[in-house]
């Protein structure tokens, strides 16, 4: 499912597709804003999105075998809710 498909689904319950687009955009903007502030986003029955910090580590270039230093970075992690896990079993 793509964002546009989601807009179409929301439009089935709203008056216009433009209104549905605004709703979907507002939801995604709110999620992005919370993650930017390093706040977790918990959606009941769906899961939790949060920012995790990875540590710096030593890696290896698979092509040359050369040892390289991989810097620490932040990434978004998702932990699905129990209901979602059971749904996709």
Protein backbone atom coordinates (compact mmCIF):
# COMPACT_ATOMS: atom_id res chain seq x y z
CA UNK A 1 0.00 0.00 0.00
CA UNK A 2 1.29 3.42 -0.93
CA UNK A 3 0.41 6.79 0.55
CA UNK A 4 -2.01 7.52 -2.29
CA UNK A 5 -3.81 4.21 -1.64
CA UNK A 6 -4.19 5.25 1.99
CA UNK A 7 -5.65 8.59 0.91
CA UNK A 8 -8.22 6.78 -1.25
CA UNK A 9 -9.21 4.58 1.73
CA UNK A 10 -9.62 7.62 3.98
CA UNK A 11 -11.56 9.43 1.23
CA UNK A 12 -14.19 6.68 1.41
CA UNK A 13 -15.04 7.96 4.92
CA UNK A 14 -14.63 11.70 4.31
CA UNK A 15 -16.38 14.13 2.00
CA UNK A 16 -13.55 14.77 -0.46
CA UNK A 17 -10.23 13.34 -1.55
CA UNK A 18 -8.59 16.70 -0.78
CA UNK A 19 -9.82 16.48 2.81
CA UNK A 20 -8.53 12.91 3.05
CA UNK A 21 -5.11 14.02 1.71
CA UNK A 22 -4.93 16.72 4.39
CA UNK A 23 -5.78 14.18 7.11
CA UNK A 24 -3.14 11.69 5.96
CA UNK A 25 -0.53 14.44 5.62
CA UNK A 26 -1.36 15.70 9.13
CA UNK A 27 -0.93 12.21 10.59
CA UNK A 28 2.46 11.67 8.92
CA UNK A 29 3.65 15.19 9.81
CA UNK A 30 2.67 14.60 13.45
CA UNK A 31 4.60 11.32 13.53
CA UNK A 32 7.67 12.95 11.95
CA UNK A 33 7.49 15.87 14.38
CA UNK A 34 7.34 13.58 17.42
CA UNK A 35 10.26 11.48 16.18
CA UNK A 36 12.29 14.62 15.47
CA UNK A 37 11.79 15.56 19.15
CA UNK A 38 12.94 12.01 20.04
CA UNK A 39 9.48 11.17 21.41
CA UNK A 40 8.20 7.63 20.84
CA UNK A 41 4.99 7.25 18.81
CA UNK A 42 2.73 4.51 20.20
CA UNK A 43 -0.30 3.52 18.14
CA UNK A 44 -2.49 1.02 20.01
CA UNK A 45 -2.94 -2.22 18.08
CA UNK A 46 -0.27 -1.22 15.55
CA UNK A 47 3.06 -0.65 17.26
CA UNK A 48 5.68 1.75 18.56
CA UNK A 49 8.05 3.93 16.52
CA UNK A 50 11.05 5.38 18.32
CA UNK A 51 14.56 6.72 17.71
CA UNK A 52 17.48 4.48 18.65
CA UNK A 53 21.15 5.42 18.79
CA UNK A 54 23.57 2.93 17.27
CA UNK A 55 27.15 2.73 18.53
CA UNK A 56 30.22 3.38 16.42
CA UNK A 57 31.79 0.12 15.30
CA UNK A 58 34.45 -1.40 13.12
CA UNK A 59 33.30 -2.97 9.86
CA UNK A 60 34.84 -4.53 6.82
CA UNK A 61 34.50 -3.54 3.17
CA UNK A 62 33.30 -6.80 1.55
CA UNK A 63 34.84 -5.92 -1.81
CA UNK A 64 38.37 -5.10 -0.64
CA UNK A 65 38.48 -6.64 2.82
CA UNK A 66 39.68 -3.30 4.21
CA UNK A 67 38.73 -2.48 7.82
CA UNK A 68 36.61 0.67 8.11
CA UNK A 69 35.15 2.65 10.98
CA UNK A 70 31.33 2.92 10.90
CA UNK A 71 30.16 6.05 12.79
CA UNK A 72 27.40 6.13 15.41
CA UNK A 73 24.03 7.22 14.06
CA UNK A 74 20.36 7.50 14.91
CA UNK A 75 17.74 5.30 13.29
CA UNK A 76 14.00 4.80 13.51
CA UNK A 77 12.98 1.49 15.02
CA UNK A 78 9.53 -0.11 14.90
CA UNK A 79 8.20 -2.66 17.36
CA UNK A 80 4.90 -4.12 16.19
CA UNK A 81 2.03 -4.59 18.65
CA UNK A 82 0.98 -8.11 19.62
CA UNK A 83 -2.22 -7.78 17.55
CA UNK A 84 -0.25 -6.87 14.41
CA UNK A 85 2.19 -9.74 14.93
CA UNK A 86 -0.66 -12.23 15.25
CA UNK A 87 -2.39 -10.80 12.17
CA UNK A 88 0.58 -11.48 9.90
CA UNK A 89 1.42 -14.98 11.21
